[in-house]
Amino acid sequence: MSTGHANSSRDMLSRLENMVLMAADLPLAAIRQQIASGLDIIVHLGRLRDRSRKVLDISEVCGYENGEIVIRELFRFCEEGFENGKVIGGLRKTGELLQREKLARAGLSLG
């Protein structure tokens, strides 16, 4: 588990690529393949207009295809309103986890 600073799950992947490129002379394809094989889930937190921080997106890293890291959104924060100065809403499921077996082998309970 680690943290990083970016504006979205996809942006976090770009930032990782750039950090590696600054430190090592490796082909971009090799960097992307390593990132895709080393990450399973990206949880993106962000600040809302009421200044609160919420989980805005949970995405699964599904692999590397056609020169790109493939990610799949699993959950997205949906704003339902604004009440007493607070954003009202919650996470909504948008996709199914594909790598269930891999995460189960790692000891994660998928309920």
Protein backbone atom coordinates (compact mmCIF):
# COMPACT_ATOMS: atom_id res chain seq x y z
CA MET A 1 0.00 0.00 0.00
CA SER A 2 1.23 3.45 -0.85
CA THR A 3 0.03 6.99 -1.45
CA GLY A 4 0.58 9.40 -4.29
CA HIS A 5 -0.74 12.80 -5.30
CA ALA A 6 -2.70 13.20 -8.54
CA ASN A 7 -5.99 14.52 -9.89
CA SER A 8 -7.45 11.15 -10.88
CA SER A 9 -6.62 7.46 -11.05
CA ARG A 10 -5.42 7.83 -14.66
CA ASP A 11 -3.34 10.88 -13.71
CA MET A 12 -1.67 8.85 -10.95
CA LEU A 13 -0.47 6.35 -13.54
CA SER A 14 1.01 9.17 -15.64
CA ARG A 15 2.77 10.61 -12.61
CA LEU A 16 4.29 7.22 -11.78
CA GLU A 17 5.52 6.87 -15.36
CA ASN A 18 7.12 10.34 -15.22
CA MET A 19 8.81 9.67 -11.89
CA VAL A 20 10.38 6.47 -13.23
CA LEU A 21 11.44 8.21 -16.46
CA MET A 22 13.20 10.91 -14.41
CA ALA A 23 15.18 8.28 -12.51
CA ALA A 24 15.90 5.58 -15.08
CA ASP A 25 16.60 5.27 -18.78
CA LEU A 26 13.96 2.64 -19.57
CA PRO A 27 11.54 2.32 -22.46
CA LEU A 28 8.05 3.65 -21.68
CA ALA A 29 6.50 0.30 -22.60
CA ALA A 30 8.64 -1.48 -19.98
CA ILE A 31 7.71 1.09 -17.34
CA ARG A 32 4.01 0.75 -18.11
CA GLN A 33 4.19 -3.05 -18.02
CA GLN A 34 5.87 -2.95 -14.61
CA ILE A 35 3.33 -0.48 -13.23
CA ALA A 36 0.44 -2.57 -14.58
CA SER A 37 1.79 -5.75 -13.02
CA GLY A 38 2.63 -4.08 -9.70
CA LEU A 39 -0.66 -2.28 -8.98
CA ASP A 40 -4.03 -3.86 -8.33
CA ILE A 41 -6.35 -1.12 -7.08
CA ILE A 42 -6.20 2.70 -7.11
CA VAL A 43 -8.29 4.63 -4.59
CA HIS A 44 -8.62 8.30 -5.51
CA LEU A 45 -9.48 10.80 -2.78
CA GLY A 46 -10.35 14.39 -3.54
CA ARG A 47 -11.62 17.57 -1.96
CA LEU A 48 -15.22 18.55 -2.64
CA ARG A 49 -16.64 22.07 -2.87
CA ASP A 50 -17.59 21.95 0.83
CA ARG A 51 -13.85 21.41 1.55
CA SER A 52 -14.45 17.82 2.76
CA ARG A 53 -12.33 14.96 1.45
CA LYS A 54 -14.05 11.90 0.05
CA VAL A 55 -13.16 8.79 -1.91
CA LEU A 56 -14.13 9.87 -5.43
CA ASP A 57 -13.13 6.82 -7.43
CA ILE A 58 -11.93 3.25 -6.98
CA SER A 59 -10.39 1.66 -10.06
CA GLU A 60 -8.85 -1.71 -10.83
CA VAL A 61 -5.60 -1.95 -12.79
CA CYS A 62 -6.37 -4.73 -15.28
CA GLY A 63 -3.12 -5.02 -17.21
CA TYR A 64 -1.25 -3.66 -20.19
CA GLU A 65 -2.67 -3.72 -23.73
CA ASN A 66 -1.84 -1.89 -26.96
CA GLY A 67 0.80 0.27 -25.28
CA GLU A 68 -1.47 1.48 -22.47
CA ILE A 69 -2.22 0.54 -18.88
CA VAL A 70 -5.81 -0.67 -18.73
CA ILE A 71 -7.86 0.52 -15.77
CA ARG A 72 -11.49 -0.16 -15.00
CA GLU A 73 -13.62 1.98 -12.72
CA LEU A 74 -15.31 0.00 -9.94
CA PHE A 75 -16.88 2.79 -7.86
CA ARG A 76 -17.49 6.53 -8.36
CA PHE A 77 -18.67 9.19 -5.92
CA CYS A 78 -22.06 10.54 -6.98
CA GLU A 79 -23.17 13.85 -5.57
CA GLU A 80 -26.86 13.83 -4.64
CA GLY A 81 -27.22 17.33 -3.31
CA PHE A 82 -25.97 20.06 -1.06
CA GLU A 83 -27.47 20.49 2.42
CA ASN A 84 -26.44 22.72 5.33
CA GLY A 85 -23.18 23.53 3.57
CA LYS A 86 -22.29 19.87 3.04
CA VAL A 87 -22.11 17.78 -0.10
CA ILE A 88 -24.46 14.81 0.15
CA GLY A 89 -23.64 11.66 -1.81
CA GLY A 90 -21.80 8.39 -1.80
CA LEU A 91 -19.96 5.78 -3.77
CA ARG A 92 -21.90 3.97 -6.48
CA LYS A 93 -20.79 0.72 -8.05
CA THR A 94 -19.91 1.18 -11.73
CA GLY A 95 -18.08 -2.04 -12.59
CA GLU A 96 -17.19 -5.55 -11.53
CA LEU A 97 -13.82 -6.56 -10.14
CA LEU A 98 -12.06 -8.76 -12.71
CA GLN A 99 -9.00 -9.86 -10.73
CA ARG A 100 -10.91 -11.54 -7.87
CA GLU A 101 -8.73 -14.66 -7.82
CA LYS A 102 -5.48 -12.69 -7.73
CA LEU A 103 -6.65 -10.61 -4.76
CA ALA A 104 -8.03 -13.69 -2.97
CA ARG A 105 -4.65 -15.42 -3.34
CA ALA A 106 -3.09 -12.34 -1.74
CA GLY A 107 -5.32 -12.90 1.31
CA LEU A 108 -7.98 -10.27 0.68
CA SER A 109 -11.50 -11.25 1.62
CA LEU A 110 -13.89 -10.31 -1.16
CA GLY A 111 -17.06 -11.11 0.76
